[in-house]
Amino acid sequence: MANLIGLDARLYRGVAGATASTLMSNVRKVKLSREKAKADISRRGSRWKLTRTTTIAASVEFEMLADDADADLAAIRAAWEGNTPLAFKVVDKENGHGVDADWEITKFDRNEDEEKEEVYSVSIEPTYVTRYPVEV
């Protein structure tokens, strides 16, 4: 039987300032994006345009079903409304590779399609409160 790539991906939530340890179960379509900014390091008279990578921009997007009993959704809603960060760790499998950081909620949209379930779309980006983002 073939392995399903991404089946074991994990998204953890926690209190800002510490590594997230609560596994979130009410999530789907989790997407971790990382992109490096570029600096032009070309020299005058150089025939080639030369580039050096600098800072890393990261973001995570995911969906959650609207469930009033879900503690993760309640924590994200409270962080959105209170403009406070949360710790999230997004990895490709248990003890896998990804990013561990304190994140700000940058998008908290609700879709109420009458023929489907009510879904929240969430986007988060790293912030510095008590710790810097870490590649794990």
C-alpha atoms as a PDB file:
ATOM      1  CA  MET A   1       0.000   0.000   0.000  1.00  0.00           C
ATOM      2  CA  ALA A   2       1.370   3.426  -0.948  1.00  0.00           C
ATOM      3  CA  ASN A   3       2.115   6.047   1.692  1.00  0.00           C
ATOM      4  CA  LEU A   4      -0.011   9.171   1.632  1.00  0.00           C
ATOM      5  CA  ILE A   5       2.417  12.071   1.610  1.00  0.00           C
ATOM      6  CA  GLY A   6       1.382  14.722   4.128  1.00  0.00           C
ATOM      7  CA  LEU A   7      -0.980  12.429   6.022  1.00  0.00           C
ATOM      8  CA  ASP A   8       1.180  12.693   9.123  1.00  0.00           C
ATOM      9  CA  ALA A   9       1.615  16.490   9.042  1.00  0.00           C
ATOM     10  CA  ARG A  10       1.064  18.200  12.386  1.00  0.00           C
ATOM     11  CA  LEU A  11       0.007  21.655  13.576  1.00  0.00           C
ATOM     12  CA  TYR A  12       0.544  22.388  17.269  1.00  0.00           C
ATOM     13  CA  ARG A  13      -0.747  25.365  19.283  1.00  0.00           C
ATOM     14  CA  GLY A  14       0.379  26.835  22.584  1.00  0.00           C
ATOM     15  CA  VAL A  15       1.127  29.912  24.649  1.00  0.00           C
ATOM     16  CA  ALA A  16       3.466  32.514  23.120  1.00  0.00           C
ATOM     17  CA  GLY A  17       6.973  32.261  24.514  1.00  0.00           C
ATOM     18  CA  ALA A  18       7.106  28.452  24.598  1.00  0.00           C
ATOM     19  CA  THR A  19       7.077  25.656  22.033  1.00  0.00           C
ATOM     20  CA  ALA A  20       3.520  24.728  21.071  1.00  0.00           C
ATOM     21  CA  SER A  21       2.546  21.269  22.320  1.00  0.00           C
ATOM     22  CA  THR A  22      -1.235  20.945  21.850  1.00  0.00           C
ATOM     23  CA  LEU A  23      -1.938  18.973  18.675  1.00  0.00           C
ATOM     24  CA  MET A  24      -4.742  20.638  16.704  1.00  0.00           C
ATOM     25  CA  SER A  25      -7.220  18.170  15.229  1.00  0.00           C
ATOM     26  CA  ASN A  26      -9.801  20.531  13.685  1.00  0.00           C
ATOM     27  CA  VAL A  27      -7.577  21.716  10.839  1.00  0.00           C
ATOM     28  CA  ARG A  28      -7.327  20.941   7.159  1.00  0.00           C
ATOM     29  CA  LYS A  29      -5.544  22.298   4.096  1.00  0.00           C
ATOM     30  CA  VAL A  30      -2.513  23.396   6.147  1.00  0.00           C
ATOM     31  CA  LYS A  31       0.004  25.246   3.977  1.00  0.00           C
ATOM     32  CA  LEU A  32       3.419  26.395   5.220  1.00  0.00           C
ATOM     33  CA  SER A  33       5.054  28.952   2.904  1.00  0.00           C
ATOM     34  CA  ARG A  34       8.661  30.109   3.266  1.00  0.00           C
ATOM     35  CA  GLU A  35      10.430  32.517   0.947  1.00  0.00           C
ATOM     36  CA  LYS A  36      13.817  34.202   1.181  1.00  0.00           C
ATOM     37  CA  ALA A  37      14.216  37.877   0.349  1.00  0.00           C
ATOM     38  CA  LYS A  38      17.015  38.739  -2.061  1.00  0.00           C
ATOM     39  CA  ALA A  39      19.641  41.454  -2.031  1.00  0.00           C
ATOM     40  CA  ASP A  40      21.366  42.625  -5.203  1.00  0.00           C
ATOM     41  CA  ILE A  41      25.122  42.245  -4.651  1.00  0.00           C
ATOM     42  CA  SER A  42      26.199  43.049  -8.205  1.00  0.00           C
ATOM     43  CA  ARG A  43      29.354  45.097  -8.590  1.00  0.00           C
ATOM     44  CA  ARG A  44      29.694  48.073 -10.831  1.00  0.00           C
ATOM     45  CA  GLY A  45      30.901  46.942 -14.205  1.00  0.00           C
ATOM     46  CA  SER A  46      29.882  43.340 -13.501  1.00  0.00           C
ATOM     47  CA  ARG A  47      28.445  41.435 -16.408  1.00  0.00           C
ATOM     48  CA  TRP A  48      26.244  39.335 -14.113  1.00  0.00           C
ATOM     49  CA  LYS A  49      23.450  40.347 -11.784  1.00  0.00           C
ATOM     50  CA  LEU A  50      24.376  38.689  -8.504  1.00  0.00           C
ATOM     51  CA  THR A  51      21.995  37.853  -5.681  1.00  0.00           C
ATOM     52  CA  ARG A  52      22.373  36.969  -2.006  1.00  0.00           C
ATOM     53  CA  THR A  53      19.466  35.685   0.065  1.00  0.00           C
ATOM     54  CA  THR A  54      18.692  37.563   3.262  1.00  0.00           C
ATOM     55  CA  THR A  55      15.663  37.276   5.562  1.00  0.00           C
ATOM     56  CA  ILE A  56      13.027  34.559   5.468  1.00  0.00           C
ATOM     57  CA  ALA A  57       9.324  35.376   5.187  1.00  0.00           C
ATOM     58  CA  ALA A  58       7.026  32.642   6.464  1.00  0.00           C
ATOM     59  CA  SER A  59       3.283  32.186   6.676  1.00  0.00           C
ATOM     60  CA  VAL A  60       0.840  29.394   7.425  1.00  0.00           C
ATOM     61  CA  GLU A  61      -2.679  29.107   6.054  1.00  0.00           C
ATOM     62  CA  PHE A  62      -5.258  26.566   7.190  1.00  0.00           C
ATOM     63  CA  GLU A  63      -8.984  25.928   7.524  1.00  0.00           C
ATOM     64  CA  MET A  64     -11.035  24.988  10.576  1.00  0.00           C
ATOM     65  CA  LEU A  65     -14.632  23.815  10.823  1.00  0.00           C
ATOM     66  CA  ALA A  66     -16.841  26.112  12.891  1.00  0.00           C
ATOM     67  CA  ASP A  67     -17.201  24.184  16.141  1.00  0.00           C
ATOM     68  CA  ASP A  68     -18.129  26.216  19.246  1.00  0.00           C
ATOM     69  CA  ALA A  69     -16.805  23.420  21.480  1.00  0.00           C
ATOM     70  CA  ASP A  70     -13.319  23.439  19.870  1.00  0.00           C
ATOM     71  CA  ALA A  71     -10.707  24.907  22.255  1.00  0.00           C
ATOM     72  CA  ASP A  72      -8.278  25.593  19.387  1.00  0.00           C
ATOM     73  CA  LEU A  73     -10.829  27.679  17.491  1.00  0.00           C
ATOM     74  CA  ALA A  74     -11.685  29.557  20.711  1.00  0.00           C
ATOM     75  CA  ALA A  75      -7.981  30.291  21.349  1.00  0.00           C
ATOM     76  CA  ILE A  76      -7.461  31.544  17.799  1.00  0.00           C
ATOM     77  CA  ARG A  77     -10.597  33.701  17.966  1.00  0.00           C
ATOM     78  CA  ALA A  78      -9.423  35.198  21.306  1.00  0.00           C
ATOM     79  CA  ALA A  79      -5.940  35.870  19.881  1.00  0.00           C
ATOM     80  CA  TRP A  80      -7.478  37.532  16.811  1.00  0.00           C
ATOM     81  CA  GLU A  81      -9.818  39.708  18.871  1.00  0.00           C
ATOM     82  CA  GLY A  82      -7.179  40.551  21.492  1.00  0.00           C
ATOM     83  CA  ASN A  83      -4.382  41.110  18.979  1.00  0.00           C
ATOM     84  CA  THR A  84      -2.151  38.713  20.920  1.00  0.00           C
ATOM     85  CA  PRO A  85       0.303  36.139  19.555  1.00  0.00           C
ATOM     86  CA  LEU A  86       0.101  32.371  19.963  1.00  0.00           C
ATOM     87  CA  ALA A  87       2.796  29.731  19.653  1.00  0.00           C
ATOM     88  CA  PHE A  88       2.418  27.416  16.673  1.00  0.00           C
ATOM     89  CA  LYS A  89       4.653  24.634  15.430  1.00  0.00           C
ATOM     90  CA  VAL A  90       3.951  23.312  11.953  1.00  0.00           C
ATOM     91  CA  VAL A  91       5.814  20.161  10.914  1.00  0.00           C
ATOM     92  CA  ASP A  92       5.552  17.586   8.131  1.00  0.00           C
ATOM     93  CA  LYS A  93       5.251  14.682  10.615  1.00  0.00           C
ATOM     94  CA  GLU A  94       5.624  14.023  14.323  1.00  0.00           C
ATOM     95  CA  ASN A  95       9.132  15.231  15.250  1.00  0.00           C
ATOM     96  CA  GLY A  96       9.502  16.328  11.614  1.00  0.00           C
ATOM     97  CA  HIS A  97      10.718  19.431   9.776  1.00  0.00           C
ATOM     98  CA  GLY A  98       8.989  22.793   9.836  1.00  0.00           C
ATOM     99  CA  VAL A  99       8.833  26.030  11.837  1.00  0.00           C
ATOM    100  CA  ASP A 100       8.317  26.685  15.546  1.00  0.00           C
ATOM    101  CA  ALA A 101       7.545  30.317  16.453  1.00  0.00           C
ATOM    102  CA  ASP A 102       5.238  32.831  18.053  1.00  0.00           C
ATOM    103  CA  TRP A 103       2.724  33.902  15.402  1.00  0.00           C
ATOM    104  CA  GLU A 104       0.212  36.712  14.886  1.00  0.00           C
ATOM    105  CA  ILE A 105      -3.198  35.896  13.412  1.00  0.00           C
ATOM    106  CA  THR A 106      -3.287  37.962  10.201  1.00  0.00           C
ATOM    107  CA  LYS A 107      -6.527  36.597   8.713  1.00  0.00           C
ATOM    108  CA  PHE A 108      -9.621  35.116  10.345  1.00  0.00           C
ATOM    109  CA  ASP A 109     -12.325  34.724   7.672  1.00  0.00           C
ATOM    110  CA  ARG A 110     -15.584  32.811   7.963  1.00  0.00           C
ATOM    111  CA  ASN A 111     -17.306  31.239   4.951  1.00  0.00           C
ATOM    112  CA  GLU A 112     -21.005  30.474   5.291  1.00  0.00           C
ATOM    113  CA  ASP A 113     -21.693  28.698   2.006  1.00  0.00           C
ATOM    114  CA  GLU A 114     -25.284  27.471   2.309  1.00  0.00           C
ATOM    115  CA  GLU A 115     -24.516  24.137   0.656  1.00  0.00           C
ATOM    116  CA  LYS A 116     -21.404  23.338   2.719  1.00  0.00           C
ATOM    117  CA  GLU A 117     -20.207  23.444   6.298  1.00  0.00           C
ATOM    118  CA  GLU A 118     -19.251  26.730   7.956  1.00  0.00           C
ATOM    119  CA  VAL A 119     -15.462  27.093   7.668  1.00  0.00           C
ATOM    120  CA  TYR A 120     -12.902  29.531   9.076  1.00  0.00           C
ATOM    121  CA  SER A 121      -9.836  30.400   6.982  1.00  0.00           C
ATOM    122  CA  VAL A 122      -6.871  31.387   9.133  1.00  0.00           C
ATOM    123  CA  SER A 123      -3.507  32.898   8.200  1.00  0.00           C
ATOM    124  CA  ILE A 124      -0.626  33.412  10.611  1.00  0.00           C
ATOM    125  CA  GLU A 125       2.802  35.062  10.342  1.00  0.00           C
ATOM    126  CA  PRO A 126       5.752  34.947  12.762  1.00  0.00           C
ATOM    127  CA  THR A 127       6.272  37.721  15.272  1.00  0.00           C
ATOM    128  CA  TYR A 128       8.855  38.448  17.924  1.00  0.00           C
ATOM    129  CA  VAL A 129       7.413  38.576  21.430  1.00  0.00           C
ATOM    130  CA  THR A 130       9.705  36.448  23.568  1.00  0.00           C
ATOM    131  CA  ARG A 131      11.469  34.219  21.037  1.00  0.00           C
ATOM    132  CA  TYR A 132      12.581  34.131  17.415  1.00  0.00           C
ATOM    133  CA  PRO A 133      11.264  31.607  14.882  1.00  0.00           C
ATOM    134  CA  VAL A 134      13.236  28.368  14.662  1.00  0.00           C
ATOM    135  CA  GLU A 135      13.529  25.858  11.837  1.00  0.00           C
ATOM    136  CA  VAL A 136      12.912  22.384  13.275  1.00  0.00           C
END
